[in-house]
């Protein structure tokens, strides 16, 4: 899987959950393509982590969205709308 190393880097930056919990939740990433961003965050149990990141760490928020296979244009819209 291409994203395995990137997921580990993402996991190292998240707080509030154990690394194992976050990895487990993002493993199913291939099955998320047909979902909305909120559905992807919910399905992976990352809504709270994302909400924290969007308020205090835009770089981390972008990493989360990238690992959930959100396209770059949508990521920019989401990040810019939360200012």
N, C-alpha and C. Protein backbone atom coordinates (compact mmCIF):
# COMPACT_ATOMS: atom_id res chain seq x y z
N UNK A 1 0.84 -1.18 0.00
CA UNK A 1 0.00 0.00 0.00
C UNK A 1 0.89 1.25 0.00
N UNK A 2 0.63 2.16 -0.87
CA UNK A 2 1.44 3.36 -1.06
C UNK A 2 1.43 4.23 0.19
N UNK A 3 0.31 4.31 0.86
CA UNK A 3 0.13 5.27 1.94
C UNK A 3 0.63 4.80 3.30
N UNK A 4 1.13 3.59 3.41
CA UNK A 4 1.49 3.06 4.73
C UNK A 4 2.50 3.96 5.46
N UNK A 5 3.59 4.37 4.81
CA UNK A 5 4.58 5.23 5.48
C UNK A 5 3.98 6.60 5.79
N UNK A 6 3.19 7.13 4.88
CA UNK A 6 2.56 8.43 5.11
C UNK A 6 1.59 8.34 6.27
N UNK A 7 0.89 7.24 6.39
CA UNK A 7 -0.04 7.06 7.51
C UNK A 7 0.71 7.06 8.82
N UNK A 8 1.86 6.41 8.84
CA UNK A 8 2.64 6.39 10.08
C UNK A 8 3.08 7.80 10.46
N UNK A 9 3.47 8.61 9.48
CA UNK A 9 3.85 10.00 9.76
C UNK A 9 2.66 10.77 10.29
N UNK A 10 1.50 10.55 9.70
CA UNK A 10 0.28 11.21 10.17
C UNK A 10 -0.01 10.81 11.61
N UNK A 11 0.10 9.54 11.88
CA UNK A 11 -0.19 9.02 13.21
C UNK A 11 0.73 9.64 14.24
N UNK A 12 1.99 9.85 13.89
CA UNK A 12 2.94 10.45 14.82
C UNK A 12 2.54 11.86 15.21
N UNK A 13 1.74 12.54 14.37
CA UNK A 13 1.36 13.92 14.64
C UNK A 13 0.01 14.06 15.35
N UNK A 14 -0.78 13.02 15.41
CA UNK A 14 -2.11 13.11 16.02
C UNK A 14 -2.03 12.91 17.53
N UNK A 15 -2.95 13.54 18.23
CA UNK A 15 -3.00 13.39 19.68
C UNK A 15 -4.38 12.91 20.09
N UNK A 16 -4.48 12.39 21.28
CA UNK A 16 -5.77 11.99 21.81
C UNK A 16 -6.11 10.53 21.54
N UNK A 17 -5.52 9.95 20.54
CA UNK A 17 -5.76 8.54 20.22
C UNK A 17 -4.40 7.85 20.18
N UNK A 18 -4.39 6.56 20.42
CA UNK A 18 -3.12 5.85 20.30
C UNK A 18 -2.78 5.66 18.83
N UNK A 19 -1.52 5.47 18.57
CA UNK A 19 -1.07 5.25 17.19
C UNK A 19 -1.76 4.04 16.58
N UNK A 20 -1.92 3.01 17.36
CA UNK A 20 -2.55 1.79 16.87
C UNK A 20 -4.02 2.04 16.51
N UNK A 21 -4.72 2.82 17.30
CA UNK A 21 -6.13 3.13 17.02
C UNK A 21 -6.27 3.90 15.71
N UNK A 22 -5.43 4.90 15.53
CA UNK A 22 -5.51 5.71 14.32
C UNK A 22 -5.14 4.89 13.09
N UNK A 23 -4.08 4.10 13.18
CA UNK A 23 -3.68 3.25 12.06
C UNK A 23 -4.82 2.31 11.69
N UNK A 24 -5.42 1.69 12.68
CA UNK A 24 -6.53 0.77 12.44
C UNK A 24 -7.68 1.47 11.72
N UNK A 25 -7.95 2.68 12.10
CA UNK A 25 -9.07 3.42 11.51
C UNK A 25 -8.79 3.89 10.09
N UNK A 26 -7.53 4.13 9.76
CA UNK A 26 -7.21 4.61 8.41
C UNK A 26 -6.85 3.49 7.45
N UNK A 27 -6.71 2.28 7.95
CA UNK A 27 -6.37 1.14 7.09
C UNK A 27 -7.42 0.95 5.99
N UNK A 28 -8.66 1.23 6.28
CA UNK A 28 -9.74 0.99 5.32
C UNK A 28 -9.87 2.10 4.27
N UNK A 29 -8.84 2.86 4.08
CA UNK A 29 -8.88 4.02 3.21
C UNK A 29 -9.36 3.71 1.79
N UNK A 30 -9.05 2.54 1.25
CA UNK A 30 -9.47 2.21 -0.10
C UNK A 30 -10.99 2.16 -0.24
N UNK A 31 -11.69 1.90 0.82
CA UNK A 31 -13.14 1.79 0.78
C UNK A 31 -13.84 3.13 0.97
N UNK A 32 -13.10 4.20 1.09
CA UNK A 32 -13.68 5.50 1.41
C UNK A 32 -13.94 6.38 0.20
N UNK A 33 -13.48 6.01 -0.97
CA UNK A 33 -13.55 6.87 -2.15
C UNK A 33 -14.96 7.36 -2.48
N UNK A 34 -15.98 6.60 -2.24
CA UNK A 34 -17.34 7.01 -2.58
C UNK A 34 -18.03 7.85 -1.52
N UNK A 35 -17.31 8.17 -0.44
CA UNK A 35 -17.91 8.90 0.68
C UNK A 35 -17.58 10.39 0.62
N UNK A 36 -18.40 11.19 1.29
CA UNK A 36 -18.09 12.61 1.47
C UNK A 36 -16.95 12.73 2.46
N UNK A 37 -16.41 13.93 2.59
CA UNK A 37 -15.32 14.15 3.54
C UNK A 37 -15.78 13.85 4.95
N UNK A 38 -16.95 14.35 5.32
CA UNK A 38 -17.46 14.09 6.68
C UNK A 38 -17.67 12.60 6.92
N UNK A 39 -18.16 11.89 5.92
CA UNK A 39 -18.34 10.45 6.06
C UNK A 39 -17.00 9.74 6.24
N UNK A 40 -16.00 10.18 5.51
CA UNK A 40 -14.65 9.59 5.64
C UNK A 40 -14.10 9.82 7.04
N UNK A 41 -14.22 11.06 7.53
CA UNK A 41 -13.74 11.38 8.87
C UNK A 41 -14.49 10.55 9.92
N UNK A 42 -15.80 10.45 9.76
CA UNK A 42 -16.62 9.69 10.70
C UNK A 42 -16.25 8.21 10.65
N UNK A 43 -16.15 7.66 9.44
CA UNK A 43 -15.86 6.23 9.28
C UNK A 43 -14.52 5.85 9.90
N UNK A 44 -13.57 6.77 9.87
CA UNK A 44 -12.25 6.51 10.44
C UNK A 44 -12.14 6.96 11.89
N UNK A 45 -13.22 7.55 12.42
CA UNK A 45 -13.20 8.00 13.81
C UNK A 45 -12.27 9.18 14.02
N UNK A 46 -12.11 10.00 12.99
CA UNK A 46 -11.17 11.11 13.07
C UNK A 46 -11.83 12.49 13.11
N UNK A 47 -13.12 12.54 13.32
CA UNK A 47 -13.81 13.83 13.33
C UNK A 47 -13.26 14.73 14.43
N UNK A 48 -13.14 14.23 15.64
CA UNK A 48 -12.64 15.05 16.75
C UNK A 48 -11.20 15.49 16.51
N UNK A 49 -10.37 14.57 16.03
CA UNK A 49 -8.97 14.90 15.74
C UNK A 49 -8.90 15.98 14.66
N UNK A 50 -9.73 15.85 13.63
CA UNK A 50 -9.74 16.83 12.55
C UNK A 50 -10.24 18.17 13.05
N UNK A 51 -11.29 18.18 13.86
CA UNK A 51 -11.82 19.43 14.41
C UNK A 51 -10.76 20.16 15.23
N UNK A 52 -9.98 19.42 16.00
CA UNK A 52 -8.89 20.04 16.77
C UNK A 52 -7.84 20.61 15.82
N UNK A 53 -7.49 19.82 14.83
CA UNK A 53 -6.43 20.24 13.89
C UNK A 53 -6.85 21.45 13.07
N UNK A 54 -8.08 21.49 12.61
CA UNK A 54 -8.53 22.59 11.76
C UNK A 54 -8.50 23.92 12.53
N UNK A 55 -8.64 23.86 13.84
CA UNK A 55 -8.60 25.07 14.67
C UNK A 55 -7.17 25.50 15.01
N UNK A 56 -6.27 24.55 15.16
CA UNK A 56 -4.95 24.91 15.68
C UNK A 56 -3.76 24.49 14.82
N UNK A 57 -3.97 23.62 13.86
CA UNK A 57 -2.83 23.11 13.08
C UNK A 57 -3.29 22.75 11.67
N UNK A 58 -3.30 23.75 10.78
CA UNK A 58 -3.79 23.56 9.40
C UNK A 58 -2.95 22.54 8.65
N UNK A 59 -1.67 22.45 8.96
CA UNK A 59 -0.79 21.48 8.29
C UNK A 59 -1.26 20.07 8.62
N UNK A 60 -1.55 19.83 9.88
CA UNK A 60 -2.05 18.52 10.30
C UNK A 60 -3.42 18.24 9.69
N UNK A 61 -4.28 19.25 9.67
CA UNK A 61 -5.60 19.07 9.07
C UNK A 61 -5.47 18.67 7.61
N UNK A 62 -4.54 19.31 6.91
CA UNK A 62 -4.32 18.97 5.50
C UNK A 62 -3.80 17.54 5.35
N UNK A 63 -2.92 17.12 6.26
CA UNK A 63 -2.40 15.75 6.21
C UNK A 63 -3.53 14.74 6.40
N UNK A 64 -4.41 15.02 7.34
CA UNK A 64 -5.53 14.10 7.58
C UNK A 64 -6.36 13.97 6.31
N UNK A 65 -6.72 15.10 5.71
CA UNK A 65 -7.54 15.07 4.49
C UNK A 65 -6.82 14.38 3.35
N UNK A 66 -5.53 14.62 3.22
CA UNK A 66 -4.75 13.97 2.17
C UNK A 66 -4.76 12.46 2.34
N UNK A 67 -4.59 12.00 3.56
CA UNK A 67 -4.58 10.56 3.82
C UNK A 67 -5.96 9.92 3.64
N UNK A 68 -6.98 10.74 3.68
CA UNK A 68 -8.33 10.25 3.41
C UNK A 68 -8.69 10.37 1.94
N UNK A 69 -7.68 10.66 1.11
CA UNK A 69 -7.80 10.76 -0.34
C UNK A 69 -8.76 11.85 -0.80
N UNK A 70 -8.80 12.95 -0.05
CA UNK A 70 -9.58 14.11 -0.47
C UNK A 70 -8.74 14.84 -1.52
N UNK A 71 -9.37 15.28 -2.61
CA UNK A 71 -8.61 15.93 -3.67
C UNK A 71 -8.11 17.30 -3.21
N UNK A 72 -7.04 17.75 -3.85
CA UNK A 72 -6.36 18.98 -3.44
C UNK A 72 -7.27 20.21 -3.49
N UNK A 73 -8.10 20.33 -4.51
CA UNK A 73 -9.01 21.48 -4.62
C UNK A 73 -9.98 21.52 -3.44
N UNK A 74 -10.50 20.37 -3.06
CA UNK A 74 -11.43 20.30 -1.92
C UNK A 74 -10.71 20.61 -0.61
N UNK A 75 -9.49 20.13 -0.48
CA UNK A 75 -8.71 20.41 0.73
C UNK A 75 -8.53 21.92 0.89
N UNK A 76 -8.16 22.58 -0.18
CA UNK A 76 -7.96 24.03 -0.12
C UNK A 76 -9.25 24.75 0.24
N UNK A 77 -10.37 24.33 -0.34
CA UNK A 77 -11.66 24.93 0.00
C UNK A 77 -11.99 24.76 1.48
N UNK A 78 -11.77 23.55 1.98
CA UNK A 78 -12.08 23.26 3.38
C UNK A 78 -11.19 24.09 4.31
N UNK A 79 -9.90 24.12 4.03
CA UNK A 79 -8.97 24.86 4.89
C UNK A 79 -9.22 26.36 4.84
N UNK A 80 -9.53 26.87 3.68
CA UNK A 80 -9.78 28.31 3.54
C UNK A 80 -11.11 28.73 4.13
N UNK A 81 -12.09 27.82 4.16
CA UNK A 81 -13.40 28.17 4.71
C UNK A 81 -13.40 28.16 6.23
N UNK A 82 -12.40 27.60 6.84
CA UNK A 82 -12.31 27.48 8.30
C UNK A 82 -11.45 28.57 8.92
N UNK A 83 -11.17 29.64 8.20
CA UNK A 83 -10.31 30.71 8.74
C UNK A 83 -11.10 31.67 9.58
